[in-house]
Protein backbone atom coordinates (compact mmCIF):
# COMPACT_ATOMS: atom_id res chain seq x y z
CA UNK A 1 87.42 135.49 90.74
CA UNK A 2 85.66 133.41 88.19
CA UNK A 3 85.65 129.82 88.34
CA UNK A 4 87.67 129.20 85.15
CA UNK A 5 90.22 131.62 86.32
CA UNK A 6 92.68 128.66 87.45
CA UNK A 7 93.16 125.20 85.88
CA UNK A 8 94.85 122.18 86.36
CA UNK A 9 96.18 120.02 83.70
CA UNK A 10 93.40 121.51 81.68
CA UNK A 11 90.37 121.10 84.53
CA UNK A 12 88.73 124.41 85.59
CA UNK A 13 89.46 125.11 89.29
CA UNK A 14 85.88 126.08 90.56
CA UNK A 15 85.33 128.13 93.88
CA UNK A 16 84.27 125.04 95.71
CA UNK A 17 88.09 123.57 94.78
CA UNK A 18 89.87 126.96 95.39
CA UNK A 19 87.90 127.27 98.60
CA UNK A 20 89.16 123.59 99.89
CA UNK A 21 92.50 124.15 98.82
CA UNK A 22 92.97 127.60 101.39
CA UNK A 23 91.21 125.24 103.69
CA UNK A 24 94.07 123.09 103.85
CA UNK A 25 96.84 124.78 103.26
CA UNK A 26 95.42 127.53 105.96
CA UNK A 27 94.44 124.61 108.61
CA UNK A 28 98.05 122.03 108.01
CA UNK A 29 100.58 124.84 107.92
CA UNK A 30 102.76 122.13 109.68
CA UNK A 31 102.97 119.94 106.05
CA UNK A 32 105.76 120.48 103.43
CA UNK A 33 104.43 120.91 100.46
CA UNK A 34 104.12 117.90 98.95
CA UNK A 35 102.10 116.83 101.21
CA UNK A 36 99.79 119.58 100.90
CA UNK A 37 99.66 118.56 97.20
CA UNK A 38 99.60 115.43 98.10
CA UNK A 39 96.32 116.06 100.57
CA UNK A 40 94.78 117.84 97.96
CA UNK A 41 95.00 115.66 95.23
CA UNK A 42 93.66 112.82 97.47
CA UNK A 43 90.54 115.11 98.74
CA UNK A 44 89.65 116.36 94.98
CA UNK A 45 90.78 113.14 93.85
CA UNK A 46 92.97 114.70 91.13
CA UNK A 47 94.60 110.95 90.03
CA UNK A 48 95.98 109.50 86.88
CA UNK A 49 94.60 106.32 85.00
CA UNK A 50 96.81 104.63 87.13
CA UNK A 51 95.27 105.82 90.08
CA UNK A 52 98.38 107.49 91.47
CA UNK A 53 98.03 111.29 92.52
CA UNK A 54 98.79 113.83 90.58
CA UNK A 55 101.65 115.76 93.26
CA UNK A 56 103.55 117.39 90.51
CA UNK A 57 100.99 119.26 88.99
CA UNK A 58 99.34 120.15 92.41
CA UNK A 59 102.34 121.65 93.89
CA UNK A 60 102.37 123.48 90.71
CA UNK A 61 99.50 125.16 90.68
CA UNK A 62 99.75 125.14 94.50
CA UNK A 63 102.58 127.55 93.98
CA UNK A 64 101.23 129.91 91.34
CA UNK A 65 98.05 130.53 93.40
CA UNK A 66 100.38 131.69 96.45
CA UNK A 67 102.27 134.01 94.33
CA UNK A 68 99.15 135.32 93.07
CA UNK A 69 98.38 136.15 96.82
CA UNK A 70 95.83 133.51 97.22
CA UNK A 71 97.57 131.33 99.45
CA UNK A 72 100.38 131.29 101.85
CA UNK A 73 102.85 127.65 101.55
CA UNK A 74 105.34 126.60 103.75
CA UNK A 75 109.21 127.27 103.55
CA UNK A 76 110.90 124.49 101.24
CA UNK A 77 112.18 121.71 102.88
CA UNK A 78 115.87 121.14 101.72
CA UNK A 79 117.37 117.79 101.82
CA UNK A 80 114.45 116.51 102.96
CA UNK A 81 113.85 112.23 102.32
CA UNK A 82 111.81 111.34 99.47
CA UNK A 83 110.05 108.63 99.83
CA UNK A 84 110.95 105.47 102.16
CA UNK A 85 110.14 101.45 102.67
CA UNK A 86 106.71 101.02 101.39
CA UNK A 87 106.93 96.38 101.67
CA UNK A 88 105.27 94.84 104.59
CA UNK A 89 107.72 93.18 106.55
CA UNK A 90 107.28 89.50 107.26
CA UNK A 91 108.91 88.78 110.45
CA UNK A 92 108.15 86.94 114.12
CA UNK A 93 106.88 90.43 115.42
CA UNK A 94 103.71 89.79 112.92
CA UNK A 95 103.26 86.32 113.31
CA UNK A 96 100.36 84.89 115.00
CA UNK A 97 100.51 84.36 118.20
CA UNK A 98 98.53 81.95 120.66
CA UNK A 99 95.13 82.88 121.36
CA UNK A 100 94.98 85.56 124.73
CA UNK A 101 91.61 85.09 126.23
CA UNK A 102 90.01 86.61 129.58
CA UNK A 103 88.98 90.61 130.18
CA UNK A 104 90.23 94.07 130.06
CA UNK A 105 90.86 94.22 133.64
CA UNK A 106 93.45 91.10 133.13
CA UNK A 107 95.61 93.20 130.58
CA UNK A 108 95.48 96.37 132.00
CA UNK A 109 96.26 99.10 131.82
CA UNK A 110 96.05 99.70 127.95
CA UNK A 111 98.72 101.81 127.29
CA UNK A 112 98.11 104.48 123.75
CA UNK A 113 101.21 104.76 122.18
CA UNK A 114 102.01 107.51 118.72
CA UNK A 115 103.89 105.84 116.15
CA UNK A 116 106.84 107.98 116.11
CA UNK A 117 110.05 106.06 115.45
CA UNK A 118 111.30 104.15 113.28
CA UNK A 119 110.86 100.82 114.59
CA UNK A 120 107.78 101.79 115.26
CA UNK A 121 106.32 102.18 112.01
CA UNK A 122 107.97 99.26 110.62
CA UNK A 123 106.14 97.34 113.60
CA UNK A 124 103.15 99.12 112.51
CA UNK A 125 103.36 98.67 108.90
CA UNK A 126 103.76 94.74 109.63
CA UNK A 127 101.07 93.98 111.56
CA UNK A 128 98.21 96.52 109.58
CA UNK A 129 100.30 95.37 106.46
CA UNK A 130 99.53 91.20 107.60
CA UNK A 131 96.87 91.37 109.66
CA UNK A 132 93.93 93.94 108.21
CA UNK A 133 92.08 92.70 105.16
CA UNK A 134 92.75 96.35 103.83
CA UNK A 135 96.86 95.86 104.47
CA UNK A 136 98.80 98.98 104.80
CA UNK A 137 98.87 102.26 102.45
CA UNK A 138 100.26 105.56 104.43
CA UNK A 139 97.99 108.19 104.15
CA UNK A 140 98.02 111.27 102.13
CA UNK A 141 98.86 114.55 104.08
CA UNK A 142 98.17 114.82 108.11
CA UNK A 143 98.04 111.73 109.86
CA UNK A 144 98.29 110.17 113.32
CA UNK A 145 99.00 106.20 113.89
CA UNK A 146 99.06 104.53 117.58
CA UNK A 147 100.46 100.93 118.77
CA UNK A 148 98.21 99.87 121.23
CA UNK A 149 99.65 97.47 124.56
CA UNK A 150 98.49 95.63 127.06
CA UNK A 151 100.54 96.09 130.19
CA UNK A 152 99.71 92.64 131.46
CA UNK A 153 101.04 89.31 131.69
CA UNK A 154 103.88 91.22 129.62
CA UNK A 155 103.61 94.02 127.73
CA UNK A 156 102.88 93.31 123.94
CA UNK A 157 101.06 94.88 121.05
CA UNK A 158 97.28 94.59 121.13
CA UNK A 159 96.10 96.78 119.08
CA UNK A 160 96.57 99.51 115.74
CA UNK A 161 94.25 101.99 115.15
CA UNK A 162 95.44 104.91 112.24
CA UNK A 163 93.87 108.44 111.70
CA UNK A 164 94.02 110.43 108.28
CA UNK A 165 92.04 113.56 106.72
CA UNK A 166 88.51 112.86 106.42
CA UNK A 167 86.47 111.36 103.24
CA UNK A 168 85.53 114.99 100.74
CA UNK A 169 81.93 114.06 100.65
CA UNK A 170 79.37 111.41 101.79
CA UNK A 171 75.71 112.39 101.48
CA UNK A 172 74.83 110.39 105.08
CA UNK A 173 77.39 112.12 106.83
CA UNK A 174 77.25 115.32 104.92
CA UNK A 175 73.53 114.84 106.01
CA UNK A 176 73.84 114.47 109.77
CA UNK A 177 76.39 117.65 109.69
CA UNK A 178 73.84 119.30 107.97
CA UNK A 179 76.16 121.47 105.87
CA UNK A 180 76.38 123.43 102.33
CA UNK A 181 79.26 122.56 99.79
CA UNK A 182 81.07 126.12 100.72
CA UNK A 183 81.13 125.38 104.44
CA UNK A 184 82.41 121.75 104.27
CA UNK A 185 84.99 122.77 101.96
CA UNK A 186 86.06 125.33 104.56
CA UNK A 187 85.11 122.88 107.83
CA UNK A 188 86.44 120.00 106.67
CA UNK A 189 89.42 119.82 108.46
CA UNK A 190 87.95 119.53 111.21
CA UNK A 191 86.36 115.79 110.54
CA UNK A 192 89.00 112.79 111.08
CA UNK A 193 89.00 109.95 109.43
CA UNK A 194 89.59 106.57 111.42
CA UNK A 195 91.22 104.55 108.58
CA UNK A 196 92.57 102.24 109.75
CA UNK A 197 91.69 100.39 113.02
CA UNK A 198 93.30 96.83 113.99
CA UNK A 199 92.85 94.38 116.88
CA UNK A 200 95.08 91.48 116.45
CA UNK A 201 93.57 88.41 115.76
CA UNK A 202 94.95 85.95 118.52
CA UNK A 203 93.41 88.50 121.11
CA UNK A 204 89.83 87.59 121.90
CA UNK A 205 89.09 89.47 124.80
CA UNK A 206 85.63 90.36 125.94
CA UNK A 207 84.95 94.61 125.29
CA UNK A 208 88.39 94.91 124.44
CA UNK A 209 87.79 96.85 121.20
CA UNK A 210 85.17 99.52 122.08
CA UNK A 211 87.74 100.35 125.51
CA UNK A 212 90.05 101.17 123.36
CA UNK A 213 88.27 102.83 121.05
CA UNK A 214 87.26 105.13 124.28
CA UNK A 215 90.21 105.86 125.29
CA UNK A 216 91.22 106.96 121.34
CA UNK A 217 88.56 109.51 121.27
CA UNK A 218 89.36 111.01 124.35
CA UNK A 219 93.72 111.06 122.97
CA UNK A 220 93.45 112.14 119.52
CA UNK A 221 91.82 115.96 119.63
CA UNK A 222 94.72 116.76 121.96
CA UNK A 223 97.54 114.71 119.85
CA UNK A 224 95.88 115.98 116.50
CA UNK A 225 95.96 119.96 117.14
CA UNK A 226 99.69 119.44 118.65
CA UNK A 227 100.67 117.85 115.43
CA UNK A 228 98.65 119.62 112.65
CA UNK A 229 97.23 122.76 114.56
CA UNK A 230 93.90 122.05 114.28
CA UNK A 231 90.85 120.66 116.82
CA UNK A 232 89.68 118.29 115.69
CA UNK A 233 85.23 118.01 116.21
CA UNK A 234 84.29 114.77 114.80
CA UNK A 235 86.02 111.30 113.99
CA UNK A 236 83.82 109.12 111.08
CA UNK A 237 84.72 105.47 109.87
CA UNK A 238 83.75 103.20 106.88
CA UNK A 239 82.62 99.23 108.02
CA UNK A 240 82.01 96.60 105.39
CA UNK A 241 79.01 95.19 106.57
CA UNK A 242 79.56 92.26 105.05
CA UNK A 243 82.64 91.56 107.17
CA UNK A 244 82.04 93.21 110.64
CA UNK A 245 78.92 94.47 112.71
CA UNK A 246 80.42 97.65 114.33
CA UNK A 247 79.59 96.57 117.58
CA UNK A 248 83.11 97.81 118.63
CA UNK A 249 82.18 101.07 117.73
CA UNK A 250 78.51 101.14 118.96
CA UNK A 251 79.75 100.17 121.99
CA UNK A 252 82.06 103.09 122.43
CA UNK A 253 78.95 105.18 121.55
CA UNK A 254 79.78 106.03 117.88
CA UNK A 255 76.69 106.61 115.74
CA UNK A 256 75.85 104.86 112.59
CA UNK A 257 74.74 108.29 110.31
CA UNK A 258 73.90 105.76 106.61
CA UNK A 259 75.87 104.30 104.15
CA UNK A 260 78.20 104.96 101.46
CA UNK A 261 76.92 105.04 97.83
CA UNK A 262 79.87 102.57 96.94
CA UNK A 263 81.22 105.43 94.97
CA UNK A 264 85.30 105.34 96.60
CA UNK A 265 86.44 107.79 99.53
CA UNK A 266 85.80 110.80 97.86
CA UNK A 267 82.03 110.50 95.81
CA UNK A 268 83.46 112.69 93.28
CA UNK A 269 82.77 110.62 89.86
CA UNK A 270 82.48 106.60 88.88
CA UNK A 271 84.65 104.51 89.07
CA UNK A 272 85.32 101.69 86.95
CA UNK A 273 85.60 99.30 89.61
CA UNK A 274 82.56 99.63 91.57
CA UNK A 275 82.89 99.72 95.35
CA UNK A 276 81.18 97.62 98.27
CA UNK A 277 79.03 100.03 100.04
CA UNK A 278 79.78 101.04 103.74
CA UNK A 279 78.38 101.69 107.02
CA UNK A 280 79.29 105.06 107.65
CA UNK A 281 79.47 106.07 112.10
CA UNK A 282 80.47 108.93 113.43
CA UNK A 283 82.18 110.40 117.00
CA UNK A 284 81.22 113.85 117.96
CA UNK A 285 84.38 115.27 119.91
CA UNK A 286 82.97 117.84 121.40
CA UNK A 287 78.76 118.96 122.20
CA UNK A 288 77.00 119.53 119.28
CA UNK A 289 79.85 118.69 116.65
CA UNK A 290 77.53 119.49 114.13
CA UNK A 291 76.67 123.18 114.44
CA UNK A 292 80.46 123.39 115.07
CA UNK A 293 80.52 121.97 111.65
CA UNK A 294 77.73 124.30 109.75
CA UNK A 295 79.83 127.09 111.60
CA UNK A 296 76.80 127.79 114.17
């Protein structure tokens, strides 16, 4: 198949693009057609001038690729609700609390709960929306969210974490792995991005963040595989060095691999609004993660 055999709203779909599409559709069979289209659009930066994803057009392309026998899509879902409340609630649950000091053992055991219910989603949205500097944004496609609780002196949320699809291209991460473009497109679903991380600001507990990050790293592989049938090999995250030093990640044995160019999450084309370069950290979930991702 030639590189220009397929077009997306007048733009040729390259072999590399097609390989990525086939990888996403094959790896994330648990997603709906709309979620797959959104994931592909986010990774390939198929967006409108407003920044919104070209999801409808991408779904049309996916269905044409399926008709040509190049991919197999999940069955259409009938009656599935479209859209959900995206505003950030403001309730007493998200208000600032009295400062909590002490040690991790004063809060133990730390309990990590996946966000699964409507009430948990609202609580996560409020806490992240009100207290994370990037605010709340529902990621497209594959993602898992967690609420982290202290058991003592009474059960209460101490942290929130979100994991989602990896950035399409990051030069320092890709150099650390050592893969080429085709291998990256094929194996990218095995990399998962820690896209939100929040210790609620009234908790001032030494080593709390690194303790929870270590527990999440031990848990995410099982949960991601159970949800999407993919076993992640590597975690990644971006830290704004103007705001944070990344000490909690480094204390949890994450590795600093470099800095982004500031061109945006997917690093495929210049943006009108410059972005601040971010420090890139990775955490191998298995031995020889780089070799695994290179296909060796």
